[in-house]
């Protein structure tokens, strides 16, 4: 049984019609950036 990739390492490979397409550097899957879950960011305000 294989473990699903969490797509932690990605790069943007294209932008078309306001949609960013990213590639996972681990599994090489290409998908729309909006398909990723939001990443928590700490505010320094």
C-alpha atoms as a PDB file:
ATOM      1  CA  UNK A   1       0.000   0.000   0.000  1.00  0.00           C
ATOM      2  CA  UNK A   2       1.512   3.314  -1.063  1.00  0.00           C
ATOM      3  CA  UNK A   3       1.294   6.579   0.853  1.00  0.00           C
ATOM      4  CA  UNK A   4      -0.408   9.521  -0.891  1.00  0.00           C
ATOM      5  CA  UNK A   5       1.805  12.506  -1.667  1.00  0.00           C
ATOM      6  CA  UNK A   6       1.015  15.619   0.379  1.00  0.00           C
ATOM      7  CA  UNK A   7       2.378  18.001  -2.321  1.00  0.00           C
ATOM      8  CA  UNK A   8       4.571  19.935   0.141  1.00  0.00           C
ATOM      9  CA  UNK A   9       7.126  21.002  -2.528  1.00  0.00           C
ATOM     10  CA  UNK A  10       5.513  22.696  -5.517  1.00  0.00           C
ATOM     11  CA  UNK A  11       6.451  25.187  -8.211  1.00  0.00           C
ATOM     12  CA  UNK A  12       4.215  27.280 -10.455  1.00  0.00           C
ATOM     13  CA  UNK A  13       4.687  26.085 -14.027  1.00  0.00           C
ATOM     14  CA  UNK A  14       2.004  28.094 -15.850  1.00  0.00           C
ATOM     15  CA  UNK A  15      -0.624  30.790 -15.467  1.00  0.00           C
ATOM     16  CA  UNK A  16      -3.567  30.869 -17.847  1.00  0.00           C
ATOM     17  CA  UNK A  17      -6.852  32.723 -17.592  1.00  0.00           C
ATOM     18  CA  UNK A  18      -6.186  33.724 -13.984  1.00  0.00           C
ATOM     19  CA  UNK A  19      -5.495  30.123 -12.930  1.00  0.00           C
ATOM     20  CA  UNK A  20      -2.075  29.036 -11.638  1.00  0.00           C
ATOM     21  CA  UNK A  21      -0.899  25.527 -12.485  1.00  0.00           C
ATOM     22  CA  UNK A  22       1.632  23.927 -10.171  1.00  0.00           C
ATOM     23  CA  UNK A  23       3.801  20.813 -10.294  1.00  0.00           C
ATOM     24  CA  UNK A  24       4.653  18.753  -7.239  1.00  0.00           C
ATOM     25  CA  UNK A  25       8.412  18.246  -7.111  1.00  0.00           C
ATOM     26  CA  UNK A  26       7.990  14.947  -5.252  1.00  0.00           C
ATOM     27  CA  UNK A  27       5.404  13.065  -7.348  1.00  0.00           C
ATOM     28  CA  UNK A  28       5.491  15.207 -10.562  1.00  0.00           C
ATOM     29  CA  UNK A  29       1.677  15.624 -10.577  1.00  0.00           C
ATOM     30  CA  UNK A  30       0.374  18.812 -12.228  1.00  0.00           C
ATOM     31  CA  UNK A  31      -2.774  20.471 -10.897  1.00  0.00           C
ATOM     32  CA  UNK A  32      -4.454  23.828 -10.298  1.00  0.00           C
ATOM     33  CA  UNK A  33      -2.998  25.764  -7.364  1.00  0.00           C
ATOM     34  CA  UNK A  34      -6.467  26.364  -5.902  1.00  0.00           C
ATOM     35  CA  UNK A  35      -6.779  22.579  -5.385  1.00  0.00           C
ATOM     36  CA  UNK A  36      -4.191  22.829  -2.589  1.00  0.00           C
ATOM     37  CA  UNK A  37      -5.430  23.463   0.921  1.00  0.00           C
ATOM     38  CA  UNK A  38      -4.576  26.917   2.282  1.00  0.00           C
ATOM     39  CA  UNK A  39      -1.330  27.170   4.211  1.00  0.00           C
ATOM     40  CA  UNK A  40      -1.398  28.857   7.617  1.00  0.00           C
ATOM     41  CA  UNK A  41       0.669  32.065   7.685  1.00  0.00           C
ATOM     42  CA  UNK A  42       1.734  33.897  10.843  1.00  0.00           C
ATOM     43  CA  UNK A  43       0.985  37.622  10.787  1.00  0.00           C
ATOM     44  CA  UNK A  44       3.623  39.925  12.276  1.00  0.00           C
ATOM     45  CA  UNK A  45       1.171  42.804  12.819  1.00  0.00           C
END
